[in-house]
């Protein structure tokens, strides 16, 4: 916000008003980040209550518009991912979710945001799995998992391995599924990801 302070002072004391559009863009980026965080917290509340938060989607959509206006493609990619995630997870609407997730993946590749890319690929993999396209789902989840290993995002790796366990079961690869389950449980336990541990055991019970 120091940048905005400086632009304000230059306008008030020096009469340099040409910096005000830059100040607007900087403030839009700050507002967008706040909206994104508010929406994410509402999403957590949904995961607990399973009741759709009234403002979640509006927060993400407003954030995407502000990031786009500020020329922040990295931020826009993140906001688009969350719009897609909302439609997929909250509303169980993959046809609406997939274009947002795809655009998020494209922008995050362009800007080098490997974390957002890993999330977008994960959820595109989930959409492919739900559509019965197991081969594509596996490719997407494995690419996401490779990114997360590079980022040392251990809980995220474990979460992806759960999806890969179910795919291995669906593709009649029980030995591979057991290996994945063992690794996922070890990783999840190492970082205290209790919910992922539960998901691993639920998947293992299908073997």
C-alpha atoms as a PDB file:
ATOM      1  CA  UNK A   1       0.000   0.000   0.000  1.00  0.00           C
ATOM      2  CA  UNK A   2       3.055   2.289   0.195  1.00  0.00           C
ATOM      3  CA  UNK A   3       2.748   2.720  -3.570  1.00  0.00           C
ATOM      4  CA  UNK A   4      -0.780   4.111  -3.144  1.00  0.00           C
ATOM      5  CA  UNK A   5       0.388   6.406  -0.337  1.00  0.00           C
ATOM      6  CA  UNK A   6       3.079   7.835  -2.608  1.00  0.00           C
ATOM      7  CA  UNK A   7       0.676   8.365  -5.492  1.00  0.00           C
ATOM      8  CA  UNK A   8      -1.776  10.064  -3.150  1.00  0.00           C
ATOM      9  CA  UNK A   9       0.890  12.422  -1.814  1.00  0.00           C
ATOM     10  CA  UNK A  10       2.124  13.250  -5.310  1.00  0.00           C
ATOM     11  CA  UNK A  11      -1.434  14.169  -6.322  1.00  0.00           C
ATOM     12  CA  UNK A  12      -2.239  16.208  -3.200  1.00  0.00           C
ATOM     13  CA  UNK A  13       1.055  18.030  -2.780  1.00  0.00           C
ATOM     14  CA  UNK A  14       2.510  18.120  -6.295  1.00  0.00           C
ATOM     15  CA  UNK A  15      -0.620  18.191  -8.434  1.00  0.00           C
ATOM     16  CA  UNK A  16       0.531  15.034 -10.204  1.00  0.00           C
ATOM     17  CA  UNK A  17      -2.818  13.420 -10.942  1.00  0.00           C
ATOM     18  CA  UNK A  18      -1.634  11.178 -13.751  1.00  0.00           C
ATOM     19  CA  UNK A  19      -0.737   8.497 -11.175  1.00  0.00           C
ATOM     20  CA  UNK A  20      -4.314   8.035  -9.948  1.00  0.00           C
ATOM     21  CA  UNK A  21      -5.212   5.266 -12.458  1.00  0.00           C
ATOM     22  CA  UNK A  22      -2.162   3.353 -11.233  1.00  0.00           C
ATOM     23  CA  UNK A  23      -3.413   3.795  -7.665  1.00  0.00           C
ATOM     24  CA  UNK A  24      -6.813   2.457  -8.692  1.00  0.00           C
ATOM     25  CA  UNK A  25      -5.213  -0.654 -10.203  1.00  0.00           C
ATOM     26  CA  UNK A  26      -3.143  -1.250  -7.077  1.00  0.00           C
ATOM     27  CA  UNK A  27      -6.210  -0.926  -4.855  1.00  0.00           C
ATOM     28  CA  UNK A  28      -8.199  -3.224  -7.147  1.00  0.00           C
ATOM     29  CA  UNK A  29      -5.496  -5.872  -6.764  1.00  0.00           C
ATOM     30  CA  UNK A  30      -5.615  -5.574  -2.970  1.00  0.00           C
ATOM     31  CA  UNK A  31      -9.416  -5.780  -2.969  1.00  0.00           C
ATOM     32  CA  UNK A  32      -9.304  -8.786  -5.301  1.00  0.00           C
ATOM     33  CA  UNK A  33      -6.913 -10.639  -3.001  1.00  0.00           C
ATOM     34  CA  UNK A  34      -9.148  -9.935   0.005  1.00  0.00           C
ATOM     35  CA  UNK A  35     -12.243 -11.159  -1.852  1.00  0.00           C
ATOM     36  CA  UNK A  36     -10.411 -14.313  -2.882  1.00  0.00           C
ATOM     37  CA  UNK A  37      -9.463 -15.037   0.709  1.00  0.00           C
ATOM     38  CA  UNK A  38     -12.998 -14.376   1.949  1.00  0.00           C
ATOM     39  CA  UNK A  39     -14.368 -16.747  -0.663  1.00  0.00           C
ATOM     40  CA  UNK A  40     -11.891 -19.453   0.296  1.00  0.00           C
ATOM     41  CA  UNK A  41     -12.911 -19.227   3.956  1.00  0.00           C
ATOM     42  CA  UNK A  42     -16.562 -19.524   2.932  1.00  0.00           C
ATOM     43  CA  UNK A  43     -15.618 -22.595   0.910  1.00  0.00           C
ATOM     44  CA  UNK A  44     -14.123 -24.153   4.049  1.00  0.00           C
ATOM     45  CA  UNK A  45     -17.399 -23.482   5.845  1.00  0.00           C
ATOM     46  CA  UNK A  46     -19.237 -25.234   3.023  1.00  0.00           C
ATOM     47  CA  UNK A  47     -17.004 -28.290   3.384  1.00  0.00           C
ATOM     48  CA  UNK A  48     -18.109 -28.518   7.008  1.00  0.00           C
ATOM     49  CA  UNK A  49     -21.809 -27.635   6.677  1.00  0.00           C
ATOM     50  CA  UNK A  50     -22.585 -28.661   3.068  1.00  0.00           C
ATOM     51  CA  UNK A  51     -24.758 -25.548   2.865  1.00  0.00           C
ATOM     52  CA  UNK A  52     -23.993 -23.296  -0.104  1.00  0.00           C
ATOM     53  CA  UNK A  53     -22.518 -19.974   1.090  1.00  0.00           C
ATOM     54  CA  UNK A  54     -24.556 -17.113  -0.311  1.00  0.00           C
ATOM     55  CA  UNK A  55     -21.606 -14.864  -1.233  1.00  0.00           C
ATOM     56  CA  UNK A  56     -18.863 -17.346  -2.176  1.00  0.00           C
ATOM     57  CA  UNK A  57     -19.341 -17.289  -5.949  1.00  0.00           C
ATOM     58  CA  UNK A  58     -19.833 -13.509  -6.019  1.00  0.00           C
ATOM     59  CA  UNK A  59     -16.540 -13.003  -4.173  1.00  0.00           C
ATOM     60  CA  UNK A  60     -14.636 -15.151  -6.660  1.00  0.00           C
ATOM     61  CA  UNK A  61     -16.281 -13.546  -9.691  1.00  0.00           C
ATOM     62  CA  UNK A  62     -15.579 -10.033  -8.412  1.00  0.00           C
ATOM     63  CA  UNK A  63     -11.979 -11.006  -7.666  1.00  0.00           C
ATOM     64  CA  UNK A  64     -11.520 -12.366 -11.196  1.00  0.00           C
ATOM     65  CA  UNK A  65     -12.891  -9.156 -12.715  1.00  0.00           C
ATOM     66  CA  UNK A  66     -10.660  -6.966 -10.560  1.00  0.00           C
ATOM     67  CA  UNK A  67      -7.538  -9.009 -11.268  1.00  0.00           C
ATOM     68  CA  UNK A  68      -8.352  -8.892 -14.990  1.00  0.00           C
ATOM     69  CA  UNK A  69      -8.806  -5.130 -14.889  1.00  0.00           C
ATOM     70  CA  UNK A  70      -5.519  -4.725 -13.030  1.00  0.00           C
ATOM     71  CA  UNK A  71      -3.739  -6.845 -15.630  1.00  0.00           C
ATOM     72  CA  UNK A  72      -2.834  -9.474 -13.024  1.00  0.00           C
ATOM     73  CA  UNK A  73      -3.118 -12.751 -14.945  1.00  0.00           C
ATOM     74  CA  UNK A  74      -1.653 -14.789 -12.101  1.00  0.00           C
ATOM     75  CA  UNK A  75      -4.354 -13.531  -9.742  1.00  0.00           C
ATOM     76  CA  UNK A  76      -7.005 -13.975 -12.406  1.00  0.00           C
ATOM     77  CA  UNK A  77      -5.971 -17.614 -12.871  1.00  0.00           C
ATOM     78  CA  UNK A  78      -6.375 -18.248  -9.159  1.00  0.00           C
ATOM     79  CA  UNK A  79      -9.802 -16.603  -9.067  1.00  0.00           C
ATOM     80  CA  UNK A  80     -10.948 -18.541 -12.147  1.00  0.00           C
ATOM     81  CA  UNK A  81      -9.834 -21.773 -10.505  1.00  0.00           C
ATOM     82  CA  UNK A  82     -11.993 -20.986  -7.481  1.00  0.00           C
ATOM     83  CA  UNK A  83     -14.988 -20.182  -9.671  1.00  0.00           C
ATOM     84  CA  UNK A  84     -14.542 -23.579 -11.305  1.00  0.00           C
ATOM     85  CA  UNK A  85     -14.036 -25.270  -7.961  1.00  0.00           C
ATOM     86  CA  UNK A  86     -17.229 -23.679  -6.658  1.00  0.00           C
ATOM     87  CA  UNK A  87     -19.280 -25.018  -9.558  1.00  0.00           C
ATOM     88  CA  UNK A  88     -17.722 -28.468  -9.285  1.00  0.00           C
ATOM     89  CA  UNK A  89     -17.668 -28.964  -5.526  1.00  0.00           C
ATOM     90  CA  UNK A  90     -20.542 -26.828  -4.250  1.00  0.00           C
ATOM     91  CA  UNK A  91     -23.003 -27.192  -7.125  1.00  0.00           C
ATOM     92  CA  UNK A  92     -21.826 -30.529  -8.552  1.00  0.00           C
ATOM     93  CA  UNK A  93     -21.827 -28.939 -12.015  1.00  0.00           C
ATOM     94  CA  UNK A  94     -18.810 -30.105 -14.016  1.00  0.00           C
ATOM     95  CA  UNK A  95     -20.027 -28.782 -17.408  1.00  0.00           C
ATOM     96  CA  UNK A  96     -19.978 -25.261 -15.965  1.00  0.00           C
ATOM     97  CA  UNK A  97     -16.785 -25.835 -13.959  1.00  0.00           C
ATOM     98  CA  UNK A  98     -14.519 -27.258 -16.670  1.00  0.00           C
ATOM     99  CA  UNK A  99     -14.162 -24.102 -18.854  1.00  0.00           C
ATOM    100  CA  UNK A 100     -13.142 -22.064 -15.798  1.00  0.00           C
ATOM    101  CA  UNK A 101     -10.700 -24.744 -14.666  1.00  0.00           C
ATOM    102  CA  UNK A 102      -9.241 -24.988 -18.173  1.00  0.00           C
ATOM    103  CA  UNK A 103      -8.758 -21.216 -18.421  1.00  0.00           C
ATOM    104  CA  UNK A 104      -7.184 -21.226 -14.964  1.00  0.00           C
ATOM    105  CA  UNK A 105      -4.758 -23.952 -16.063  1.00  0.00           C
ATOM    106  CA  UNK A 106      -3.866 -22.033 -19.237  1.00  0.00           C
ATOM    107  CA  UNK A 107      -3.214 -18.771 -17.390  1.00  0.00           C
ATOM    108  CA  UNK A 108      -1.281 -20.411 -14.571  1.00  0.00           C
ATOM    109  CA  UNK A 109       0.968 -22.146 -17.135  1.00  0.00           C
ATOM    110  CA  UNK A 110       1.505 -18.791 -18.829  1.00  0.00           C
ATOM    111  CA  UNK A 111       2.424 -17.035 -15.578  1.00  0.00           C
ATOM    112  CA  UNK A 112       4.425 -19.892 -14.075  1.00  0.00           C
ATOM    113  CA  UNK A 113       2.101 -20.385 -11.098  1.00  0.00           C
ATOM    114  CA  UNK A 114       2.709 -24.069 -10.457  1.00  0.00           C
ATOM    115  CA  UNK A 115       0.549 -24.241  -7.324  1.00  0.00           C
ATOM    116  CA  UNK A 116      -2.592 -22.914  -9.004  1.00  0.00           C
ATOM    117  CA  UNK A 117      -1.829 -25.107 -12.007  1.00  0.00           C
ATOM    118  CA  UNK A 118      -1.650 -28.144  -9.723  1.00  0.00           C
ATOM    119  CA  UNK A 119      -5.095 -27.315  -8.330  1.00  0.00           C
ATOM    120  CA  UNK A 120      -6.619 -26.712 -11.757  1.00  0.00           C
ATOM    121  CA  UNK A 121      -5.213 -29.988 -13.109  1.00  0.00           C
ATOM    122  CA  UNK A 122      -6.414 -31.876 -10.032  1.00  0.00           C
ATOM    123  CA  UNK A 123      -9.971 -30.679 -10.476  1.00  0.00           C
ATOM    124  CA  UNK A 124      -9.909 -31.234 -14.234  1.00  0.00           C
ATOM    125  CA  UNK A 125      -8.801 -34.761 -13.379  1.00  0.00           C
ATOM    126  CA  UNK A 126     -11.720 -35.132 -11.008  1.00  0.00           C
ATOM    127  CA  UNK A 127     -14.082 -33.941 -13.759  1.00  0.00           C
ATOM    128  CA  UNK A 128     -12.590 -36.448 -16.213  1.00  0.00           C
ATOM    129  CA  UNK A 129     -12.896 -39.238 -13.649  1.00  0.00           C
ATOM    130  CA  UNK A 130     -16.544 -38.396 -13.007  1.00  0.00           C
ATOM    131  CA  UNK A 131     -17.140 -38.456 -16.760  1.00  0.00           C
ATOM    132  CA  UNK A 132     -15.637 -41.951 -16.958  1.00  0.00           C
ATOM    133  CA  UNK A 133     -12.527 -40.827 -18.866  1.00  0.00           C
ATOM    134  CA  UNK A 134     -10.108 -42.690 -16.618  1.00  0.00           C
ATOM    135  CA  UNK A 135      -7.047 -42.418 -18.862  1.00  0.00           C
ATOM    136  CA  UNK A 136      -7.265 -38.622 -19.099  1.00  0.00           C
ATOM    137  CA  UNK A 137      -8.069 -38.351 -15.390  1.00  0.00           C
ATOM    138  CA  UNK A 138      -4.940 -40.319 -14.548  1.00  0.00           C
ATOM    139  CA  UNK A 139      -2.757 -38.126 -16.785  1.00  0.00           C
ATOM    140  CA  UNK A 140      -4.132 -34.941 -15.218  1.00  0.00           C
ATOM    141  CA  UNK A 141      -3.793 -36.170 -11.644  1.00  0.00           C
ATOM    142  CA  UNK A 142      -0.271 -37.453 -12.253  1.00  0.00           C
ATOM    143  CA  UNK A 143       0.791 -34.118 -13.753  1.00  0.00           C
ATOM    144  CA  UNK A 144      -0.726 -32.296 -10.773  1.00  0.00           C
ATOM    145  CA  UNK A 145       1.017 -34.672  -8.378  1.00  0.00           C
ATOM    146  CA  UNK A 146       4.397 -34.163 -10.065  1.00  0.00           C
ATOM    147  CA  UNK A 147       4.017 -30.389  -9.656  1.00  0.00           C
ATOM    148  CA  UNK A 148       3.087 -30.784  -6.001  1.00  0.00           C
ATOM    149  CA  UNK A 149       6.117 -32.984  -5.357  1.00  0.00           C
ATOM    150  CA  UNK A 150       8.311 -30.260  -6.859  1.00  0.00           C
ATOM    151  CA  UNK A 151       6.670 -27.698  -4.568  1.00  0.00           C
ATOM    152  CA  UNK A 152       7.027 -29.971  -1.498  1.00  0.00           C
ATOM    153  CA  UNK A 153       3.263 -29.712  -1.057  1.00  0.00           C
ATOM    154  CA  UNK A 154       3.047 -32.977   0.864  1.00  0.00           C
ATOM    155  CA  UNK A 155      -0.610 -32.842   1.901  1.00  0.00           C
ATOM    156  CA  UNK A 156      -1.543 -31.980  -1.669  1.00  0.00           C
ATOM    157  CA  UNK A 157       0.418 -34.937  -3.003  1.00  0.00           C
ATOM    158  CA  UNK A 158      -1.362 -37.250  -0.569  1.00  0.00           C
ATOM    159  CA  UNK A 159      -4.744 -35.830  -1.571  1.00  0.00           C
ATOM    160  CA  UNK A 160      -4.004 -36.489  -5.241  1.00  0.00           C
ATOM    161  CA  UNK A 161      -2.855 -40.017  -4.492  1.00  0.00           C
ATOM    162  CA  UNK A 162      -6.315 -40.734  -3.070  1.00  0.00           C
ATOM    163  CA  UNK A 163      -7.798 -39.940  -6.465  1.00  0.00           C
ATOM    164  CA  UNK A 164      -5.180 -42.108  -8.144  1.00  0.00           C
ATOM    165  CA  UNK A 165      -6.088 -44.994  -5.819  1.00  0.00           C
ATOM    166  CA  UNK A 166      -9.695 -44.889  -7.009  1.00  0.00           C
ATOM    167  CA  UNK A 167      -8.528 -44.712 -10.620  1.00  0.00           C
ATOM    168  CA  UNK A 168      -6.268 -47.716 -10.100  1.00  0.00           C
ATOM    169  CA  UNK A 169      -9.216 -49.631  -8.671  1.00  0.00           C
ATOM    170  CA  UNK A 170     -11.424 -48.597 -11.598  1.00  0.00           C
ATOM    171  CA  UNK A 171      -8.738 -49.689 -14.067  1.00  0.00           C
ATOM    172  CA  UNK A 172      -8.211 -53.037 -12.305  1.00  0.00           C
ATOM    173  CA  UNK A 173      -4.721 -52.255 -11.001  1.00  0.00           C
ATOM    174  CA  UNK A 174      -5.077 -53.468  -7.384  1.00  0.00           C
ATOM    175  CA  UNK A 175      -1.343 -53.795  -6.679  1.00  0.00           C
ATOM    176  CA  UNK A 176      -0.760 -50.240  -7.867  1.00  0.00           C
ATOM    177  CA  UNK A 177      -3.701 -49.081  -5.740  1.00  0.00           C
ATOM    178  CA  UNK A 178      -2.176 -50.675  -2.621  1.00  0.00           C
ATOM    179  CA  UNK A 179       1.190 -49.047  -3.292  1.00  0.00           C
ATOM    180  CA  UNK A 180      -0.480 -45.665  -3.758  1.00  0.00           C
ATOM    181  CA  UNK A 181      -2.486 -46.121  -0.561  1.00  0.00           C
ATOM    182  CA  UNK A 182       0.634 -46.929   1.446  1.00  0.00           C
ATOM    183  CA  UNK A 183       2.453 -43.858   0.157  1.00  0.00           C
ATOM    184  CA  UNK A 184      -0.576 -41.595   0.604  1.00  0.00           C
ATOM    185  CA  UNK A 185      -1.068 -42.713   4.218  1.00  0.00           C
ATOM    186  CA  UNK A 186       2.615 -42.199   5.033  1.00  0.00           C
ATOM    187  CA  UNK A 187       2.673 -38.722   3.499  1.00  0.00           C
ATOM    188  CA  UNK A 188      -0.597 -37.625   5.106  1.00  0.00           C
ATOM    189  CA  UNK A 189       0.453 -38.863   8.530  1.00  0.00           C
ATOM    190  CA  UNK A 190       3.825 -37.095   8.212  1.00  0.00           C
ATOM    191  CA  UNK A 191       2.121 -33.692   7.990  1.00  0.00           C
ATOM    192  CA  UNK A 192      -0.842 -34.387  10.274  1.00  0.00           C
ATOM    193  CA  UNK A 193      -3.396 -34.322   7.442  1.00  0.00           C
ATOM    194  CA  UNK A 194      -6.007 -36.307   9.367  1.00  0.00           C
ATOM    195  CA  UNK A 195      -8.781 -35.877   6.806  1.00  0.00           C
ATOM    196  CA  UNK A 196      -6.563 -37.227   4.046  1.00  0.00           C
ATOM    197  CA  UNK A 197      -5.656 -40.217   6.227  1.00  0.00           C
ATOM    198  CA  UNK A 198      -9.382 -40.944   6.570  1.00  0.00           C
ATOM    199  CA  UNK A 199      -9.837 -40.650   2.815  1.00  0.00           C
ATOM    200  CA  UNK A 200      -6.958 -43.054   2.214  1.00  0.00           C
ATOM    201  CA  UNK A 201      -8.490 -45.637   4.526  1.00  0.00           C
ATOM    202  CA  UNK A 202     -11.879 -45.238   2.855  1.00  0.00           C
ATOM    203  CA  UNK A 203     -10.233 -45.838  -0.524  1.00  0.00           C
ATOM    204  CA  UNK A 204      -8.235 -48.776   0.822  1.00  0.00           C
ATOM    205  CA  UNK A 205     -11.479 -50.390   2.037  1.00  0.00           C
ATOM    206  CA  UNK A 206     -12.563 -50.647  -1.608  1.00  0.00           C
ATOM    207  CA  UNK A 207      -9.679 -52.996  -2.411  1.00  0.00           C
END
